[in-house]
Amino acid sequence: MHPRQHSKDKVRIAQYISMMPAEEENEALREWRIRSWRDRIAPEGYAFPGDPRGWEQTKYERAELSGVGRKLLGLDKW
């Protein structure tokens, strides 16, 4: 699709993903990240309203992590 064309009856969506390695020296933050993944806790805060439906714990399986994913999370060291 040419960038200047318009979608009349279709929804367009974008998702932006930001990743940064866990701060290995910040044990509290590393443990929080690991607990959030392990226990499937939805992020909360200004940009993250949480998951009022509870789907994180009931509908979806825990994410399978690649080697890089384990390092980003903080399970493995870089």
PDB file of N, CA and C in Angstrom:
ATOM      1  N   MET A   1       0.848  -1.170   0.000  1.00  0.00           N
ATOM      2  CA  MET A   1       0.000   0.000   0.000  1.00  0.00           C
ATOM      3  C   MET A   1       0.897   1.238   0.000  1.00  0.00           C
ATOM      4  N   HIS A   2       0.614   2.146  -0.848  1.00  0.00           N
ATOM      5  CA  HIS A   2       1.357   3.397  -0.919  1.00  0.00           C
ATOM      6  C   HIS A   2       1.098   4.198   0.365  1.00  0.00           C
ATOM      7  N   PRO A   3       2.134   4.850   0.933  1.00  0.00           N
ATOM      8  CA  PRO A   3       1.952   5.559   2.211  1.00  0.00           C
ATOM      9  C   PRO A   3       0.873   6.626   2.204  1.00  0.00           C
ATOM     10  N   ARG A   4       0.505   7.136   1.041  1.00  0.00           N
ATOM     11  CA  ARG A   4      -0.502   8.196   1.004  1.00  0.00           C
ATOM     12  C   ARG A   4      -1.905   7.682   0.724  1.00  0.00           C
ATOM     13  N   GLN A   5      -2.051   6.395   0.540  1.00  0.00           N
ATOM     14  CA  GLN A   5      -3.384   5.841   0.346  1.00  0.00           C
ATOM     15  C   GLN A   5      -4.082   5.744   1.693  1.00  0.00           C
ATOM     16  N   HIS A   6      -5.399   5.764   1.666  1.00  0.00           N
ATOM     17  CA  HIS A   6      -6.185   5.698   2.890  1.00  0.00           C
ATOM     18  C   HIS A   6      -7.006   4.415   2.906  1.00  0.00           C
ATOM     19  N   SER A   7      -7.207   3.897   4.095  1.00  0.00           N
ATOM     20  CA  SER A   7      -8.056   2.718   4.263  1.00  0.00           C
ATOM     21  C   SER A   7      -9.454   3.191   4.604  1.00  0.00           C
ATOM     22  N   LYS A   8     -10.403   2.900   3.749  1.00  0.00           N
ATOM     23  CA  LYS A   8     -11.782   3.344   3.981  1.00  0.00           C
ATOM     24  C   LYS A   8     -12.446   2.560   5.108  1.00  0.00           C
ATOM     25  N   ASP A   9     -12.391   1.250   5.023  1.00  0.00           N
ATOM     26  CA  ASP A   9     -13.156   0.442   5.968  1.00  0.00           C
ATOM     27  C   ASP A   9     -12.279  -0.590   6.690  1.00  0.00           C
ATOM     28  N   LYS A  10     -10.998  -0.289   6.837  1.00  0.00           N
ATOM     29  CA  LYS A  10     -10.088  -1.219   7.503  1.00  0.00           C
ATOM     30  C   LYS A  10      -9.376  -0.506   8.647  1.00  0.00           C
ATOM     31  N   VAL A  11      -9.167  -1.252   9.688  1.00  0.00           N
ATOM     32  CA  VAL A  11      -8.459  -0.724  10.845  1.00  0.00           C
ATOM     33  C   VAL A  11      -6.968  -0.891  10.624  1.00  0.00           C
ATOM     34  N   ARG A  12      -6.214   0.130  10.953  1.00  0.00           N
ATOM     35  CA  ARG A  12      -4.759   0.052  10.888  1.00  0.00           C
ATOM     36  C   ARG A  12      -4.236   0.142  12.309  1.00  0.00           C
ATOM     37  N   ILE A  13      -3.268  -0.668  12.613  1.00  0.00           N
ATOM     38  CA  ILE A  13      -2.753  -0.719  13.975  1.00  0.00           C
ATOM     39  C   ILE A  13      -1.231  -0.803  13.935  1.00  0.00           C
ATOM     40  N   ALA A  14      -0.604  -0.268  14.952  1.00  0.00           N
ATOM     41  CA  ALA A  14       0.846  -0.353  15.095  1.00  0.00           C
ATOM     42  C   ALA A  14       1.162  -0.731  16.534  1.00  0.00           C
ATOM     43  N   GLN A  15       2.225  -1.474  16.715  1.00  0.00           N
ATOM     44  CA  GLN A  15       2.675  -1.837  18.054  1.00  0.00           C
ATOM     45  C   GLN A  15       4.153  -1.524  18.144  1.00  0.00           C
ATOM     46  N   TYR A  16       4.531  -0.816  19.173  1.00  0.00           N
ATOM     47  CA  TYR A  16       5.927  -0.468  19.381  1.00  0.00           C
ATOM     48  C   TYR A  16       6.447  -1.264  20.569  1.00  0.00           C
ATOM     49  N   ILE A  17       7.564  -1.906  20.394  1.00  0.00           N
ATOM     50  CA  ILE A  17       8.130  -2.744  21.442  1.00  0.00           C
ATOM     51  C   ILE A  17       9.506  -2.202  21.800  1.00  0.00           C
ATOM     52  N   SER A  18       9.725  -2.036  23.058  1.00  0.00           N
ATOM     53  CA  SER A  18      11.013  -1.557  23.550  1.00  0.00           C
ATOM     54  C   SER A  18      11.596  -2.634  24.459  1.00  0.00           C
ATOM     55  N   MET A  19      12.863  -2.949  24.266  1.00  0.00           N
ATOM     56  CA  MET A  19      13.513  -3.951  25.105  1.00  0.00           C
ATOM     57  C   MET A  19      14.809  -3.378  25.633  1.00  0.00           C
ATOM     58  N   MET A  20      15.106  -3.720  26.858  1.00  0.00           N
ATOM     59  CA  MET A  20      16.385  -3.348  27.425  1.00  0.00           C
ATOM     60  C   MET A  20      16.804  -4.442  28.389  1.00  0.00           C
ATOM     61  N   PRO A  21      18.097  -4.716  28.460  1.00  0.00           N
ATOM     62  CA  PRO A  21      18.553  -5.771  29.369  1.00  0.00           C
ATOM     63  C   PRO A  21      18.240  -5.434  30.820  1.00  0.00           C
ATOM     64  N   ALA A  22      18.017  -6.476  31.597  1.00  0.00           N
ATOM     65  CA  ALA A  22      17.826  -6.284  33.033  1.00  0.00           C
ATOM     66  C   ALA A  22      19.099  -5.692  33.612  1.00  0.00           C
ATOM     67  N   GLU A  23      18.947  -4.855  34.605  1.00  0.00           N
ATOM     68  CA  GLU A  23      20.115  -4.307  35.300  1.00  0.00           C
ATOM     69  C   GLU A  23      20.598  -5.379  36.272  1.00  0.00           C
ATOM     70  N   GLU A  24      21.647  -6.102  35.876  1.00  0.00           N
ATOM     71  CA  GLU A  24      22.096  -7.248  36.665  1.00  0.00           C
ATOM     72  C   GLU A  24      22.465  -6.881  38.092  1.00  0.00           C
ATOM     73  N   GLU A  25      22.962  -5.656  38.314  1.00  0.00           N
ATOM     74  CA  GLU A  25      23.354  -5.243  39.659  1.00  0.00           C
ATOM     75  C   GLU A  25      22.160  -4.820  40.526  1.00  0.00           C
ATOM     76  N   ASN A  26      20.996  -4.581  39.905  1.00  0.00           N
ATOM     77  CA  ASN A  26      19.794  -4.178  40.644  1.00  0.00           C
ATOM     78  C   ASN A  26      18.964  -5.434  40.922  1.00  0.00           C
ATOM     79  N   GLU A  27      19.290  -6.086  42.018  1.00  0.00           N
ATOM     80  CA  GLU A  27      18.677  -7.380  42.338  1.00  0.00           C
ATOM     81  C   GLU A  27      17.164  -7.274  42.522  1.00  0.00           C
ATOM     82  N   ALA A  28      16.690  -6.204  43.150  1.00  0.00           N
ATOM     83  CA  ALA A  28      15.240  -6.051  43.375  1.00  0.00           C
ATOM     84  C   ALA A  28      14.495  -5.936  42.045  1.00  0.00           C
ATOM     85  N   LEU A  29      15.009  -5.146  41.122  1.00  0.00           N
ATOM     86  CA  LEU A  29      14.367  -4.989  39.820  1.00  0.00           C
ATOM     87  C   LEU A  29      14.429  -6.290  39.025  1.00  0.00           C
ATOM     88  N   ARG A  30      15.563  -6.955  39.067  1.00  0.00           N
ATOM     89  CA  ARG A  30      15.716  -8.230  38.358  1.00  0.00           C
ATOM     90  C   ARG A  30      14.712  -9.251  38.887  1.00  0.00           C
ATOM     91  N   GLU A  31      14.582  -9.352  40.198  1.00  0.00           N
ATOM     92  CA  GLU A  31      13.631 -10.292  40.786  1.00  0.00           C
ATOM     93  C   GLU A  31      12.191  -9.929  40.435  1.00  0.00           C
ATOM     94  N   TRP A  32      11.876  -8.628  40.400  1.00  0.00           N
ATOM     95  CA  TRP A  32      10.521  -8.194  40.018  1.00  0.00           C
ATOM     96  C   TRP A  32      10.218  -8.613  38.583  1.00  0.00           C
ATOM     97  N   ARG A  33      11.185  -8.410  37.684  1.00  0.00           N
ATOM     98  CA  ARG A  33      10.980  -8.785  36.285  1.00  0.00           C
ATOM     99  C   ARG A  33      10.748 -10.282  36.154  1.00  0.00           C
ATOM    100  N   ILE A  34      11.573 -11.055  36.851  1.00  0.00           N
ATOM    101  CA  ILE A  34      11.440 -12.518  36.788  1.00  0.00           C
ATOM    102  C   ILE A  34      10.105 -12.957  37.374  1.00  0.00           C
ATOM    103  N   ARG A  35       9.702 -12.392  38.505  1.00  0.00           N
ATOM    104  CA  ARG A  35       8.413 -12.740  39.132  1.00  0.00           C
ATOM    105  C   ARG A  35       7.238 -12.380  38.222  1.00  0.00           C
ATOM    106  N   SER A  36       7.322 -11.216  37.562  1.00  0.00           N
ATOM    107  CA  SER A  36       6.252 -10.804  36.645  1.00  0.00           C
ATOM    108  C   SER A  36       6.088 -11.812  35.519  1.00  0.00           C
ATOM    109  N   TRP A  37       7.213 -12.298  34.965  1.00  0.00           N
ATOM    110  CA  TRP A  37       7.161 -13.292  33.889  1.00  0.00           C
ATOM    111  C   TRP A  37       6.682 -14.639  34.429  1.00  0.00           C
ATOM    112  N   ARG A  38       7.307 -15.090  35.510  1.00  0.00           N
ATOM    113  CA  ARG A  38       7.009 -16.416  36.061  1.00  0.00           C
ATOM    114  C   ARG A  38       5.548 -16.539  36.481  1.00  0.00           C
ATOM    115  N   ASP A  39       5.029 -15.496  37.158  1.00  0.00           N
ATOM    116  CA  ASP A  39       3.661 -15.540  37.682  1.00  0.00           C
ATOM    117  C   ASP A  39       2.645 -14.902  36.738  1.00  0.00           C
ATOM    118  N   ARG A  40       3.109 -14.495  35.548  1.00  0.00           N
ATOM    119  CA  ARG A  40       2.258 -13.894  34.511  1.00  0.00           C
ATOM    120  C   ARG A  40       1.458 -12.716  35.054  1.00  0.00           C
ATOM    121  N   ILE A  41       2.162 -11.771  35.641  1.00  0.00           N
ATOM    122  CA  ILE A  41       1.548 -10.562  36.190  1.00  0.00           C
ATOM    123  C   ILE A  41       1.583  -9.475  35.122  1.00  0.00           C
ATOM    124  N   ALA A  42       0.436  -8.929  34.780  1.00  0.00           N
ATOM    125  CA  ALA A  42       0.356  -7.872  33.766  1.00  0.00           C
ATOM    126  C   ALA A  42       1.025  -6.607  34.293  1.00  0.00           C
ATOM    127  N   PRO A  43       1.733  -5.867  33.431  1.00  0.00           N
ATOM    128  CA  PRO A  43       2.342  -4.618  33.879  1.00  0.00           C
ATOM    129  C   PRO A  43       1.277  -3.616  34.316  1.00  0.00           C
ATOM    130  N   GLU A  44       1.632  -2.789  35.267  1.00  0.00           N
ATOM    131  CA  GLU A  44       0.721  -1.762  35.743  1.00  0.00           C
ATOM    132  C   GLU A  44       1.451  -0.429  35.781  1.00  0.00           C
ATOM    133  N   GLY A  45       0.724   0.635  35.623  1.00  0.00           N
ATOM    134  CA  GLY A  45       1.297   1.968  35.658  1.00  0.00           C
ATOM    135  C   GLY A  45       0.527   2.883  34.725  1.00  0.00           C
ATOM    136  N   TYR A  46       1.043   4.078  34.530  1.00  0.00           N
ATOM    137  CA  TYR A  46       0.355   5.068  33.711  1.00  0.00           C
ATOM    138  C   TYR A  46       0.035   4.542  32.317  1.00  0.00           C
ATOM    139  N   ALA A  47       1.007   3.946  31.662  1.00  0.00           N
ATOM    140  CA  ALA A  47       0.809   3.455  30.296  1.00  0.00           C
ATOM    141  C   ALA A  47       0.257   2.033  30.258  1.00  0.00           C
ATOM    142  N   PHE A  48       0.171   1.368  31.411  1.00  0.00           N
ATOM    143  CA  PHE A  48      -0.281  -0.016  31.477  1.00  0.00           C
ATOM    144  C   PHE A  48      -1.414  -0.132  32.483  1.00  0.00           C
ATOM    145  N   PRO A  49      -2.655  -0.194  32.020  1.00  0.00           N
ATOM    146  CA  PRO A  49      -3.786  -0.220  32.954  1.00  0.00           C
ATOM    147  C   PRO A  49      -3.975  -1.551  33.665  1.00  0.00           C
ATOM    148  N   GLY A  50      -3.096  -2.516  33.438  1.00  0.00           N
ATOM    149  CA  GLY A  50      -3.271  -3.820  34.070  1.00  0.00           C
ATOM    150  C   GLY A  50      -4.180  -4.702  33.227  1.00  0.00           C
ATOM    151  N   ASP A  51      -4.646  -5.786  33.811  1.00  0.00           N
ATOM    152  CA  ASP A  51      -5.483  -6.734  33.092  1.00  0.00           C
ATOM    153  C   ASP A  51      -6.707  -7.073  33.933  1.00  0.00           C
ATOM    154  N   PRO A  52      -7.751  -6.235  33.875  1.00  0.00           N
ATOM    155  CA  PRO A  52      -8.920  -6.480  34.718  1.00  0.00           C
ATOM    156  C   PRO A  52      -9.626  -7.801  34.414  1.00  0.00           C
ATOM    157  N   ARG A  53      -9.403  -8.360  33.237  1.00  0.00           N
ATOM    158  CA  ARG A  53     -10.038  -9.633  32.878  1.00  0.00           C
ATOM    159  C   ARG A  53      -9.317 -10.823  33.494  1.00  0.00           C
ATOM    160  N   GLY A  54      -8.068 -10.622  33.930  1.00  0.00           N
ATOM    161  CA  GLY A  54      -7.299 -11.716  34.514  1.00  0.00           C
ATOM    162  C   GLY A  54      -6.760 -12.699  33.497  1.00  0.00           C
ATOM    163  N   TRP A  55      -6.707 -12.318  32.234  1.00  0.00           N
ATOM    164  CA  TRP A  55      -6.275 -13.238  31.180  1.00  0.00           C
ATOM    165  C   TRP A  55      -4.812 -13.635  31.297  1.00  0.00           C
ATOM    166  N   GLU A  56      -4.007 -12.775  31.865  1.00  0.00           N
ATOM    167  CA  GLU A  56      -2.584 -13.113  31.992  1.00  0.00           C
ATOM    168  C   GLU A  56      -2.408 -14.424  32.747  1.00  0.00           C
ATOM    169  N   GLN A  57      -3.188 -14.633  33.799  1.00  0.00           N
ATOM    170  CA  GLN A  57      -3.046 -15.848  34.613  1.00  0.00           C
ATOM    171  C   GLN A  57      -3.938 -16.997  34.151  1.00  0.00           C
ATOM    172  N   THR A  58      -5.039 -16.703  33.482  1.00  0.00           N
ATOM    173  CA  THR A  58      -6.009 -17.763  33.211  1.00  0.00           C
ATOM    174  C   THR A  58      -6.100 -18.199  31.756  1.00  0.00           C
ATOM    175  N   LYS A  59      -5.851 -17.305  30.836  1.00  0.00           N
ATOM    176  CA  LYS A  59      -6.101 -17.628  29.433  1.00  0.00           C
ATOM    177  C   LYS A  59      -4.830 -18.010  28.668  1.00  0.00           C
ATOM    178  N   TYR A  60      -3.708 -17.481  29.085  1.00  0.00           N
ATOM    179  CA  TYR A  60      -2.477 -17.668  28.323  1.00  0.00           C
ATOM    180  C   TYR A  60      -1.443 -18.445  29.112  1.00  0.00           C
ATOM    181  N   GLU A  61      -0.621 -19.192  28.388  1.00  0.00           N
ATOM    182  CA  GLU A  61       0.496 -19.907  28.989  1.00  0.00           C
ATOM    183  C   GLU A  61       1.645 -18.930  29.227  1.00  0.00           C
ATOM    184  N   ARG A  62       2.552 -19.302  30.102  1.00  0.00           N
ATOM    185  CA  ARG A  62       3.736 -18.488  30.325  1.00  0.00           C
ATOM    186  C   ARG A  62       4.556 -18.464  29.037  1.00  0.00           C
ATOM    187  N   ALA A  63       5.114 -17.326  28.726  1.00  0.00           N
ATOM    188  CA  ALA A  63       5.909 -17.169  27.504  1.00  0.00           C
ATOM    189  C   ALA A  63       7.143 -18.062  27.554  1.00  0.00           C
ATOM    190  N   GLU A  64       7.440 -18.698  26.428  1.00  0.00           N
ATOM    191  CA  GLU A  64       8.678 -19.459  26.282  1.00  0.00           C
ATOM    192  C   GLU A  64       9.769 -18.465  25.904  1.00  0.00           C
ATOM    193  N   LEU A  65      10.884 -18.501  26.593  1.00  0.00           N
ATOM    194  CA  LEU A  65      11.948 -17.545  26.343  1.00  0.00           C
ATOM    195  C   LEU A  65      13.089 -18.170  25.548  1.00  0.00           C
ATOM    196  N   SER A  66      13.593 -17.402  24.598  1.00  0.00           N
ATOM    197  CA  SER A  66      14.799 -17.807  23.879  1.00  0.00           C
ATOM    198  C   SER A  66      15.997 -17.490  24.774  1.00  0.00           C
ATOM    199  N   GLY A  67      17.180 -17.811  24.319  1.00  0.00           N
ATOM    200  CA  GLY A  67      18.385 -17.475  25.066  1.00  0.00           C
ATOM    201  C   GLY A  67      18.511 -15.980  25.286  1.00  0.00           C
ATOM    202  N   VAL A  68      18.245 -15.199  24.242  1.00  0.00           N
ATOM    203  CA  VAL A  68      18.308 -13.740  24.369  1.00  0.00           C
ATOM    204  C   VAL A  68      17.199 -13.256  25.294  1.00  0.00           C
ATOM    205  N   GLY A  69      16.014 -13.846  25.207  1.00  0.00           N
ATOM    206  CA  GLY A  69      14.911 -13.468  26.083  1.00  0.00           C
ATOM    207  C   GLY A  69      15.245 -13.705  27.547  1.00  0.00           C
ATOM    208  N   ARG A  70      15.912 -14.823  27.838  1.00  0.00           N
ATOM    209  CA  ARG A  70      16.324 -15.123  29.216  1.00  0.00           C
ATOM    210  C   ARG A  70      17.304 -14.072  29.727  1.00  0.00           C
ATOM    211  N   LYS A  71      18.187 -13.605  28.848  1.00  0.00           N
ATOM    212  CA  LYS A  71      19.156 -12.573  29.234  1.00  0.00           C
ATOM    213  C   LYS A  71      18.469 -11.224  29.410  1.00  0.00           C
ATOM    214  N   LEU A  72      17.562 -10.872  28.498  1.00  0.00           N
ATOM    215  CA  LEU A  72      16.840  -9.614  28.631  1.00  0.00           C
ATOM    216  C   LEU A  72      16.037  -9.573  29.928  1.00  0.00           C
ATOM    217  N   LEU A  73      15.426 -10.692  30.276  1.00  0.00           N
ATOM    218  CA  LEU A  73      14.632 -10.761  31.493  1.00  0.00           C
ATOM    219  C   LEU A  73      15.502 -10.669  32.738  1.00  0.00           C
ATOM    220  N   GLY A  74      16.669 -11.301  32.696  1.00  0.00           N
ATOM    221  CA  GLY A  74      17.563 -11.308  33.847  1.00  0.00           C
ATOM    222  C   GLY A  74      17.758 -12.697  34.434  1.00  0.00           C
ATOM    223  N   LEU A  75      17.174 -13.727  33.798  1.00  0.00           N
ATOM    224  CA  LEU A  75      17.383 -15.089  34.276  1.00  0.00           C
ATOM    225  C   LEU A  75      18.825 -15.528  34.066  1.00  0.00           C
ATOM    226  N   ASP A  76      19.405 -15.151  32.944  1.00  0.00           N
ATOM    227  CA  ASP A  76      20.803 -15.496  32.629  1.00  0.00           C
ATOM    228  C   ASP A  76      21.606 -14.214  32.504  1.00  0.00           C
ATOM    229  N   LYS A  77      22.885 -14.289  32.820  1.00  0.00           N
ATOM    230  CA  LYS A  77      23.761 -13.124  32.701  1.00  0.00           C
ATOM    231  C   LYS A  77      24.241 -12.968  31.268  1.00  0.00           C
ATOM    232  N   TRP A  78      24.584 -11.744  30.911  1.00  0.00           N
ATOM    233  CA  TRP A  78      25.102 -11.443  29.569  1.00  0.00           C
ATOM    234  C   TRP A  78      26.525 -11.934  29.455  1.00  0.00           C
TER     235      TRP A  78
END
